[in-house]
C-alpha atoms as a PDB file:
ATOM      1  CA  MET A   1     -25.910 -16.765  24.680  1.00  0.00           C
ATOM      2  CA  ASP A   2     -24.590 -12.970  25.580  1.00  0.00           C
ATOM      3  CA  ALA A   3     -23.528 -10.706  23.482  1.00  0.00           C
ATOM      4  CA  GLY A   4     -19.912 -11.435  24.044  1.00  0.00           C
ATOM      5  CA  GLN A   5     -20.340 -14.614  22.825  1.00  0.00           C
ATOM      6  CA  VAL A   6     -22.017 -13.792  19.611  1.00  0.00           C
ATOM      7  CA  GLN A   7     -19.188 -10.907  19.140  1.00  0.00           C
ATOM      8  CA  GLU A   8     -16.319 -13.717  18.845  1.00  0.00           C
ATOM      9  CA  ASN A   9     -18.823 -16.078  16.773  1.00  0.00           C
ATOM     10  CA  GLN A  10     -19.126 -13.000  13.646  1.00  0.00           C
ATOM     11  CA  TYR A  11     -16.095 -11.977  11.043  1.00  0.00           C
ATOM     12  CA  ILE A  12     -14.235  -9.308  11.524  1.00  0.00           C
ATOM     13  CA  ASP A  13     -14.687  -6.279   9.557  1.00  0.00           C
ATOM     14  CA  SER A  14     -13.750  -5.179   6.290  1.00  0.00           C
ATOM     15  CA  TYR A  15     -14.989  -2.818   3.974  1.00  0.00           C
ATOM     16  CA  MET A  16     -14.092  -3.453  -0.258  1.00  0.00           C
ATOM     17  CA  LEU A  17     -13.898  -0.031  -2.284  1.00  0.00           C
ATOM     18  CA  ASP A  18     -13.949   0.579  -5.269  1.00  0.00           C
ATOM     19  CA  PHE A  19     -14.002   3.895  -8.557  1.00  0.00           C
ATOM     20  CA  HIS A  20     -14.910   2.865 -11.475  1.00  0.00           C
ATOM     21  CA  LYS A  21     -13.209   4.653 -14.263  1.00  0.00           C
ATOM     22  CA  ASP A  22     -16.817   5.897 -15.745  1.00  0.00           C
ATOM     23  CA  ASP A  23     -16.090   7.639 -11.749  1.00  0.00           C
ATOM     24  CA  PRO A  24     -15.534  11.530 -12.500  1.00  0.00           C
ATOM     25  CA  TYR A  25     -14.295  11.704  -9.281  1.00  0.00           C
ATOM     26  CA  GLY A  26     -12.601   8.415  -8.184  1.00  0.00           C
ATOM     27  CA  TYR A  27      -9.440   9.672  -8.348  1.00  0.00           C
ATOM     28  CA  GLU A  28      -9.883  12.692  -5.922  1.00  0.00           C
ATOM     29  CA  SER A  29     -11.806  10.207  -3.437  1.00  0.00           C
ATOM     30  CA  TYR A  30      -8.897   7.913  -3.637  1.00  0.00           C
ATOM     31  CA  GLN A  31      -6.635  10.625  -3.125  1.00  0.00           C
ATOM     32  CA  LYS A  32      -9.178  11.325   0.197  1.00  0.00           C
ATOM     33  CA  LEU A  33      -8.588   7.177   1.478  1.00  0.00           C
ATOM     34  CA  LEU A  34      -4.859   7.360   1.521  1.00  0.00           C
ATOM     35  CA  GLU A  35      -5.188  10.476   3.450  1.00  0.00           C
ATOM     36  CA  PRO A  36      -5.047   8.765   6.988  1.00  0.00           C
ATOM     37  CA  MET A  37      -1.706   7.586   5.674  1.00  0.00           C
ATOM     38  CA  PHE A  38      -0.188   9.582   2.299  1.00  0.00           C
ATOM     39  CA  VAL A  39      -0.452  12.289   0.134  1.00  0.00           C
ATOM     40  CA  LEU A  40      -1.516  10.996  -3.144  1.00  0.00           C
ATOM     41  CA  GLU A  41      -0.128  12.987  -6.339  1.00  0.00           C
ATOM     42  CA  ALA A  42       0.178  11.001  -9.888  1.00  0.00           C
ATOM     43  CA  THR A  43      -0.705  11.661 -13.265  1.00  0.00           C
ATOM     44  CA  CYS A  44      -3.018   9.432 -14.219  1.00  0.00           C
ATOM     45  CA  LYS A  45      -6.050  11.623 -13.437  1.00  0.00           C
ATOM     46  CA  LYS A  46      -9.109  10.650 -15.736  1.00  0.00           C
ATOM     47  CA  LYS A  47     -10.123   7.523 -15.842  1.00  0.00           C
ATOM     48  CA  PHE A  48      -9.396   6.457 -13.019  1.00  0.00           C
ATOM     49  CA  GLU A  49      -9.798   3.537 -11.560  1.00  0.00           C
ATOM     50  CA  SER A  50      -9.087   1.515  -8.482  1.00  0.00           C
ATOM     51  CA  ALA A  51     -10.523  -1.515  -6.465  1.00  0.00           C
ATOM     52  CA  SER A  52      -9.265  -2.320  -2.452  1.00  0.00           C
ATOM     53  CA  ARG A  53     -10.070  -4.247   0.264  1.00  0.00           C
ATOM     54  CA  THR A  54      -9.653  -3.521   3.766  1.00  0.00           C
ATOM     55  CA  TYR A  55      -9.769  -6.015   7.116  1.00  0.00           C
ATOM     56  CA  MET A  56      -9.776  -5.508  10.769  1.00  0.00           C
ATOM     57  CA  LEU A  57      -8.076  -7.958  12.912  1.00  0.00           C
ATOM     58  CA  LYS A  58      -7.199  -7.225  16.136  1.00  0.00           C
ATOM     59  CA  ASP A  59      -5.087  -5.051  16.548  1.00  0.00           C
ATOM     60  CA  LEU A  60      -3.590  -5.018  12.895  1.00  0.00           C
ATOM     61  CA  ILE A  61      -5.235  -3.864   9.844  1.00  0.00           C
ATOM     62  CA  PHE A  62      -5.123  -6.005   6.629  1.00  0.00           C
ATOM     63  CA  ALA A  63      -5.296  -4.262   3.441  1.00  0.00           C
ATOM     64  CA  THR A  64      -4.684  -4.676  -0.480  1.00  0.00           C
ATOM     65  CA  SER A  65      -5.091  -2.065  -3.106  1.00  0.00           C
ATOM     66  CA  LEU A  66      -4.901  -1.301  -6.595  1.00  0.00           C
ATOM     67  CA  ALA A  67      -4.899   1.550  -9.017  1.00  0.00           C
ATOM     68  CA  ASN A  68      -3.878   2.554 -12.791  1.00  0.00           C
ATOM     69  CA  THR A  69      -2.186   5.158 -11.118  1.00  0.00           C
ATOM     70  CA  GLN A  70       0.925   5.356 -14.081  1.00  0.00           C
ATOM     71  CA  GLN A  71       3.575   7.770 -12.359  1.00  0.00           C
ATOM     72  CA  ALA A  72       3.110   8.504  -8.379  1.00  0.00           C
ATOM     73  CA  THR A  73       4.011   9.769  -5.571  1.00  0.00           C
ATOM     74  CA  LEU A  74       2.448   9.158  -2.202  1.00  0.00           C
ATOM     75  CA  THR A  75       4.297  11.090   0.260  1.00  0.00           C
ATOM     76  CA  ARG A  76       4.084  10.966   4.085  1.00  0.00           C
ATOM     77  CA  ALA A  77       5.927  14.018   5.620  1.00  0.00           C
ATOM     78  CA  GLU A  78       7.877  13.981   9.249  1.00  0.00           C
ATOM     79  CA  ASN A  79       4.479  16.371  10.890  1.00  0.00           C
ATOM     80  CA  HIS A  80       1.863  13.846   8.536  1.00  0.00           C
ATOM     81  CA  GLU A  81      -1.584  14.682  10.475  1.00  0.00           C
ATOM     82  CA  SER A  82      -4.167  11.607  10.574  1.00  0.00           C
ATOM     83  CA  ALA A  83      -5.953   9.330  12.172  1.00  0.00           C
ATOM     84  CA  ILE A  84      -3.225   7.219  12.062  1.00  0.00           C
ATOM     85  CA  GLY A  85      -0.734   8.616  13.909  1.00  0.00           C
ATOM     86  CA  SER A  86       2.588   8.041  14.923  1.00  0.00           C
ATOM     87  CA  ASP A  87       2.858   5.532  17.170  1.00  0.00           C
ATOM     88  CA  PHE A  88       1.754   2.769  13.570  1.00  0.00           C
ATOM     89  CA  ILE A  89       4.253   1.139  12.075  1.00  0.00           C
ATOM     90  CA  LEU A  90       3.402  -0.006   8.028  1.00  0.00           C
ATOM     91  CA  VAL A  91       4.774  -3.021   6.435  1.00  0.00           C
ATOM     92  CA  PHE A  92       3.995  -3.537   2.981  1.00  0.00           C
ATOM     93  CA  PHE A  93       5.518  -5.148  -0.339  1.00  0.00           C
ATOM     94  CA  TYR A  94       4.589  -4.175  -4.146  1.00  0.00           C
ATOM     95  CA  ARG A  95       3.767  -6.136  -6.551  1.00  0.00           C
ATOM     96  CA  ASP A  96       3.846  -5.664 -10.900  1.00  0.00           C
ATOM     97  CA  TYR A  97       6.664  -3.397 -10.159  1.00  0.00           C
ATOM     98  CA  PRO A  98       9.718  -1.654  -8.806  1.00  0.00           C
ATOM     99  CA  ILE A  99       9.473   0.707  -5.988  1.00  0.00           C
ATOM    100  CA  ARG A 100      11.672   3.462  -5.049  1.00  0.00           C
ATOM    101  CA  ILE A 101      11.231   4.556  -1.442  1.00  0.00           C
ATOM    102  CA  GLN A 102      13.183   7.841   0.348  1.00  0.00           C
ATOM    103  CA  ALA A 103      12.901   7.410   4.194  1.00  0.00           C
ATOM    104  CA  GLY A 104      15.043  10.579   5.705  1.00  0.00           C
ATOM    105  CA  GLU A 105      17.894  10.859   3.184  1.00  0.00           C
ATOM    106  CA  VAL A 106      18.762   7.777   2.508  1.00  0.00           C
ATOM    107  CA  LEU A 107      16.572   6.630  -1.373  1.00  0.00           C
ATOM    108  CA  THR A 108      16.443   3.019  -1.679  1.00  0.00           C
ATOM    109  CA  GLN A 109      14.779   0.603  -4.694  1.00  0.00           C
ATOM    110  CA  VAL A 110      12.940  -2.238  -4.046  1.00  0.00           C
ATOM    111  CA  GLU A 111      12.243  -4.794  -6.413  1.00  0.00           C
ATOM    112  CA  PRO A 112       8.328  -7.095  -6.095  1.00  0.00           C
ATOM    113  CA  GLU A 113       7.713  -8.960  -3.147  1.00  0.00           C
ATOM    114  CA  GLN A 114      10.817  -6.944  -1.226  1.00  0.00           C
ATOM    115  CA  ILE A 115       8.715  -6.323   1.774  1.00  0.00           C
ATOM    116  CA  VAL A 116       8.974  -2.696   3.898  1.00  0.00           C
ATOM    117  CA  PHE A 117       9.573  -2.072   6.732  1.00  0.00           C
ATOM    118  CA  ALA A 118       8.102   1.706   7.983  1.00  0.00           C
ATOM    119  CA  ASP A 119       8.046   3.514  10.834  1.00  0.00           C
ATOM    120  CA  LEU A 120       4.801   6.140  10.389  1.00  0.00           C
ATOM    121  CA  SER A 121       6.470   8.620  13.203  1.00  0.00           C
ATOM    122  CA  LYS A 122       9.745   9.469  10.504  1.00  0.00           C
ATOM    123  CA  PRO A 123       9.277  10.975   7.495  1.00  0.00           C
ATOM    124  CA  LEU A 124       8.566   8.268   3.643  1.00  0.00           C
ATOM    125  CA  THR A 125       8.312   8.421   0.266  1.00  0.00           C
ATOM    126  CA  ILE A 126       7.465   6.139  -2.124  1.00  0.00           C
ATOM    127  CA  HIS A 127       7.332   6.239  -5.864  1.00  0.00           C
ATOM    128  CA  THR A 128       6.051   4.288  -7.501  1.00  0.00           C
ATOM    129  CA  SER A 129       4.685   3.577 -11.804  1.00  0.00           C
ATOM    130  CA  SER A 130       1.783   1.561 -10.503  1.00  0.00           C
ATOM    131  CA  ILE A 131      -0.186   0.975  -7.259  1.00  0.00           C
ATOM    132  CA  ASN A 132      -0.629  -2.737  -6.317  1.00  0.00           C
ATOM    133  CA  VAL A 133       0.046  -3.255  -3.048  1.00  0.00           C
ATOM    134  CA  VAL A 134      -0.194  -5.074   0.317  1.00  0.00           C
ATOM    135  CA  SER A 135       0.110  -3.819   3.225  1.00  0.00           C
ATOM    136  CA  LEU A 136      -0.121  -3.876   7.145  1.00  0.00           C
ATOM    137  CA  ASN A 137      -0.884  -1.730  10.039  1.00  0.00           C
ATOM    138  CA  PHE A 138      -0.413  -1.967  13.331  1.00  0.00           C
ATOM    139  CA  SER A 139       0.622  -0.440  16.661  1.00  0.00           C
ATOM    140  CA  ARG A 140       4.872   0.018  17.636  1.00  0.00           C
ATOM    141  CA  ASN A 141       3.971  -1.476  20.997  1.00  0.00           C
ATOM    142  CA  LEU A 142       3.048  -4.737  19.280  1.00  0.00           C
ATOM    143  CA  ILE A 143       6.700  -5.361  17.866  1.00  0.00           C
ATOM    144  CA  ASN A 144       8.640  -3.709  20.590  1.00  0.00           C
ATOM    145  CA  MET A 145       7.920  -6.443  22.760  1.00  0.00           C
ATOM    146  CA  LEU A 146       9.843  -8.655  20.192  1.00  0.00           C
ATOM    147  CA  VAL A 147      12.487  -6.445  18.668  1.00  0.00           C
ATOM    148  CA  PRO A 148      12.712  -2.862  20.624  1.00  0.00           C
ATOM    149  CA  LEU A 149      12.711  -0.184  17.745  1.00  0.00           C
ATOM    150  CA  ASN A 150      15.271   2.080  16.432  1.00  0.00           C
ATOM    151  CA  GLU A 151      15.965   4.224  13.643  1.00  0.00           C
ATOM    152  CA  HIS A 152      17.779   2.120  11.846  1.00  0.00           C
ATOM    153  CA  PHE A 153      14.903   0.334  11.388  1.00  0.00           C
ATOM    154  CA  HIS A 154      13.130   2.754   9.487  1.00  0.00           C
ATOM    155  CA  GLY A 155      12.495   1.821   5.546  1.00  0.00           C
ATOM    156  CA  LEU A 156      14.657  -1.455   6.012  1.00  0.00           C
ATOM    157  CA  VAL A 157      14.301  -3.726   2.967  1.00  0.00           C
ATOM    158  CA  PHE A 158      13.305  -7.185   3.431  1.00  0.00           C
ATOM    159  CA  ARG A 159      14.873  -8.844  -0.011  1.00  0.00           C
ATOM    160  CA  ASP A 160      15.318 -12.894   1.147  1.00  0.00           C
ATOM    161  CA  GLY A 161      15.615 -14.953   3.580  1.00  0.00           C
ATOM    162  CA  PRO A 162      13.605 -17.228   4.759  1.00  0.00           C
ATOM    163  CA  HIS A 163      11.751 -15.354   7.509  1.00  0.00           C
ATOM    164  CA  LYS A 164      10.814 -12.742   4.328  1.00  0.00           C
ATOM    165  CA  GLU A 165       9.420 -15.568   2.373  1.00  0.00           C
ATOM    166  CA  LEU A 166       7.529 -17.116   5.138  1.00  0.00           C
ATOM    167  CA  LEU A 167       6.120 -13.913   5.531  1.00  0.00           C
ATOM    168  CA  LEU A 168       5.664 -12.917   1.703  1.00  0.00           C
ATOM    169  CA  SER A 169       3.768 -16.586   1.957  1.00  0.00           C
ATOM    170  CA  TYR A 170       1.593 -15.571   4.766  1.00  0.00           C
ATOM    171  CA  LEU A 171      -0.202 -12.543   3.482  1.00  0.00           C
ATOM    172  CA  LYS A 172      -0.373 -13.887  -0.065  1.00  0.00           C
ATOM    173  CA  GLY A 173      -2.178 -16.331   1.855  1.00  0.00           C
ATOM    174  CA  LEU A 174      -4.682 -14.372   4.464  1.00  0.00           C
ATOM    175  CA  GLU A 175      -5.186 -12.028   1.029  1.00  0.00           C
ATOM    176  CA  HIS A 176      -7.878 -15.627  -0.441  1.00  0.00           C
ATOM    177  CA  VAL A 177      -8.726 -15.958   3.929  1.00  0.00           C
ATOM    178  CA  ALA A 178      -9.073 -12.741   5.517  1.00  0.00           C
ATOM    179  CA  ALA A 179     -12.855 -12.133   5.087  1.00  0.00           C
ATOM    180  CA  ASP A 180     -13.724 -15.859   6.517  1.00  0.00           C
ATOM    181  CA  ILE A 181     -11.602 -14.759   9.849  1.00  0.00           C
ATOM    182  CA  MET A 182     -13.265 -15.415  13.042  1.00  0.00           C
ATOM    183  CA  VAL A 183     -13.441 -12.829  15.769  1.00  0.00           C
ATOM    184  CA  LYS A 184     -12.256 -15.055  17.735  1.00  0.00           C
ATOM    185  CA  ASP A 185      -9.204 -15.999  16.039  1.00  0.00           C
ATOM    186  CA  SER A 186      -8.162 -12.653  14.485  1.00  0.00           C
ATOM    187  CA  ILE A 187      -5.706 -12.327  17.458  1.00  0.00           C
ATOM    188  CA  HIS A 188      -4.239 -15.672  16.822  1.00  0.00           C
ATOM    189  CA  VAL A 189      -3.787 -14.408  13.803  1.00  0.00           C
ATOM    190  CA  THR A 190      -2.495 -11.178  14.470  1.00  0.00           C
ATOM    191  CA  GLU A 191       0.350 -12.625  17.040  1.00  0.00           C
ATOM    192  CA  THR A 192       1.277 -14.969  14.356  1.00  0.00           C
ATOM    193  CA  ILE A 193       1.831 -11.672  11.589  1.00  0.00           C
ATOM    194  CA  VAL A 194       4.083  -9.964  14.480  1.00  0.00           C
ATOM    195  CA  ARG A 195       6.099 -12.408  15.142  1.00  0.00           C
ATOM    196  CA  MET A 196       6.832 -13.095  11.209  1.00  0.00           C
ATOM    197  CA  VAL A 197       8.235  -9.410  10.936  1.00  0.00           C
ATOM    198  CA  ALA A 198      10.232  -9.436  14.263  1.00  0.00           C
ATOM    199  CA  ASN A 199      11.692 -12.688  12.918  1.00  0.00           C
ATOM    200  CA  CYS A 200      12.483 -10.389   9.898  1.00  0.00           C
ATOM    201  CA  LEU A 201      14.285  -8.082  11.878  1.00  0.00           C
ATOM    202  CA  LEU A 202      16.395 -10.050  13.727  1.00  0.00           C
ATOM    203  CA  GLN A 203      17.463 -11.167  10.433  1.00  0.00           C
ATOM    204  CA  SER A 204      18.488  -8.187   9.275  1.00  0.00           C
ATOM    205  CA  LYS A 205      19.965  -7.287  12.723  1.00  0.00           C
ATOM    206  CA  ASP A 206      21.635 -10.285  12.436  1.00  0.00           C
ATOM    207  CA  ARG A 207      22.266  -9.482   8.865  1.00  0.00           C
ATOM    208  CA  LYS A 208      23.956  -6.578   9.923  1.00  0.00           C
ATOM    209  CA  LEU A 209      25.813  -7.112  12.938  1.00  0.00           C
ATOM    210  CA  LEU A 210      27.577 -10.520  10.940  1.00  0.00           C
ATOM    211  CA  LYS A 211      28.454  -8.131   7.336  1.00  0.00           C
ATOM    212  CA  GLU A 212      30.001  -5.548  10.339  1.00  0.00           C
ATOM    213  CA  THR A 213      31.729  -7.778  12.241  1.00  0.00           C
ATOM    214  CA  SER A 214      33.634  -9.206   9.163  1.00  0.00           C
ATOM    215  CA  GLN A 215      34.548  -5.948   8.008  1.00  0.00           C
ATOM    216  CA  GLN A 216      36.059  -4.921  11.090  1.00  0.00           C
ATOM    217  CA  LYS A 217      38.912  -8.225  10.337  1.00  0.00           C
ATOM    218  CA  ILE A 218      39.436  -7.559   7.126  1.00  0.00           C
ATOM    219  CA  SER A 219      40.534  -3.809   8.243  1.00  0.00           C
ATOM    220  CA  LEU A 220      42.140  -5.117  11.315  1.00  0.00           C
ATOM    221  CA  LEU A 221      44.228  -7.237   9.042  1.00  0.00           C
ATOM    222  CA  GLN A 222      45.176  -4.954   6.640  1.00  0.00           C
ATOM    223  CA  LEU A 223      46.255  -2.621   9.042  1.00  0.00           C
ATOM    224  CA  LYS A 224      48.773  -5.561  11.012  1.00  0.00           C
ATOM    225  CA  GLN A 225      49.995  -6.375   7.296  1.00  0.00           C
ATOM    226  CA  ALA A 226      50.467  -2.242   6.193  1.00  0.00           C
ATOM    227  CA  ILE A 227      52.026  -2.287   9.902  1.00  0.00           C
ATOM    228  CA  ASN A 228      54.741  -5.038   9.266  1.00  0.00           C
ATOM    229  CA  THR A 229      55.322  -4.016   5.934  1.00  0.00           C
ATOM    230  CA  GLN A 230      56.187  -0.412   6.911  1.00  0.00           C
ATOM    231  CA  ILE A 231      57.395  -1.521  10.296  1.00  0.00           C
ATOM    232  CA  GLU A 232      61.577   0.096   9.432  1.00  0.00           C
ATOM    233  CA  ASP A 233      59.484   2.996   8.333  1.00  0.00           C
ATOM    234  CA  PRO A 234      61.177   5.420   9.885  1.00  0.00           C
ATOM    235  CA  ARG A 235      57.501   7.948   8.286  1.00  0.00           C
ATOM    236  CA  LEU A 236      55.185   4.826  10.239  1.00  0.00           C
ATOM    237  CA  SER A 237      53.037   6.068  12.438  1.00  0.00           C
ATOM    238  CA  ALA A 238      49.244   6.418  13.804  1.00  0.00           C
ATOM    239  CA  GLU A 239      48.821   9.712  11.310  1.00  0.00           C
ATOM    240  CA  SER A 240      50.280   7.881   8.299  1.00  0.00           C
ATOM    241  CA  LEU A 241      48.045   4.842   8.268  1.00  0.00           C
ATOM    242  CA  LEU A 242      44.846   7.242   9.275  1.00  0.00           C
ATOM    243  CA  GLN A 243      45.438   9.041   5.649  1.00  0.00           C
ATOM    244  CA  GLN A 244      46.187   5.811   4.100  1.00  0.00           C
ATOM    245  CA  PHE A 245      43.582   3.779   5.302  1.00  0.00           C
ATOM    246  CA  HIS A 246      41.266   7.281   5.821  1.00  0.00           C
ATOM    247  CA  ILE A 247      40.391   6.527   9.188  1.00  0.00           C
ATOM    248  CA  SER A 248      40.138   8.275  12.273  1.00  0.00           C
ATOM    249  CA  ARG A 249      42.082   8.009  15.406  1.00  0.00           C
ATOM    250  CA  ALA A 250      39.686   6.343  17.666  1.00  0.00           C
ATOM    251  CA  THR A 251      38.682   3.445  15.420  1.00  0.00           C
ATOM    252  CA  ILE A 252      41.832   2.668  15.228  1.00  0.00           C
ATOM    253  CA  TYR A 253      41.755   2.150  18.811  1.00  0.00           C
ATOM    254  CA  ARG A 254      38.825   0.157  18.638  1.00  0.00           C
ATOM    255  CA  MET A 255      40.212  -2.013  16.193  1.00  0.00           C
ATOM    256  CA  PHE A 256      43.194  -2.753  18.751  1.00  0.00           C
ATOM    257  CA  GLU A 257      41.654  -3.460  21.836  1.00  0.00           C
ATOM    258  CA  PRO A 258      40.561  -7.107  23.182  1.00  0.00           C
END
């Protein structure tokens, strides 16, 4: 049996790292652990304890982390220098407690088990009362082959829907079996996960388009009703409609395009 076959029959690499409350350097060590991704600031620094598990799948890192940080802020600046660079994607969900994420200028409340999609080339801040997180980290090239990424996906929250529930269930199950995955099988697990994430993105994209289309139809209907009602009013003009509906001239023109 050659070296390649031996490797194929091996389990994927996995790492366990725990810090106990009697370790005086536990908090600082945990900060160092997170440095490739975030800068951590937390209120609980004494009697700090945590448990982290990391699984190295083919082209994807699957990890879980639990820590009694109490009030914590995890910050990734746009120029964050780390081993995990700006060409990576982070997908994660927190258990037990809601969190708030700030992606750019937008601050969003995220409930437990709602899944967040983040582009690590952009700033991201997470505010949480305690860390209990499941995360995925992989190259943007993997997802770009299935869904062309754009800036609107950064900070996107998968709140509900069948694709989100399938992804959530898969990741929960993976937590229990990840250590037993063979190297030869890990590429298939990675492909399944990335495709599930892509389906969540496509579902969110379709919903956004449907919502925008619906809003445009309602606005156009309201606009036509206003014109019919005011058709004999000599003050009716494009300018009066702009003021009435608080929209731009270009928006009105687009509404009447075939």
